[in-house]
Amino acid sequence: MTRIEIPLALFCMLVASGCVADLDDVATGSVPAQPPLATYACEDGTELKVAAAGSSVVVETPGEEAPVALPASPPNQLYRFAEGLYSLVVENGEALWMKNGEGALACRT
């Protein structure tokens, strides 16, 4: 690299690093994957309502009689929640809802 390319490359790396969340913020949960309350429109025309509750989420879906509470899985995870027959993955305004024995349901905010 020439003398001009090195400072330019360093400048570009610094600018790009300011565009992503700090890993410490993600680890401490100050950048949550799931907002406190979100409604996702699903590909089958239904809605999935998800409320964050600490390290868990509560999911309301038309196919279930009662809301489903899902803890983070594994613990301290910000994107994946699961318990028993159900699991949910949320990231960047998208949710993937899964119930054992059924196909996955893709949803977006």
Foldseek 3Di string as FASTA:
>chain_A
DDPVVVVVVVVVVVVVVVVDDDVVCVLVCVDALDDQWDWWQWPVRWIWIWGDDPQWIWIDTPVDPGIDIWGAVPHSDRAWTDDDQWIWGGHDQKIWIGGPPDDIIITGD
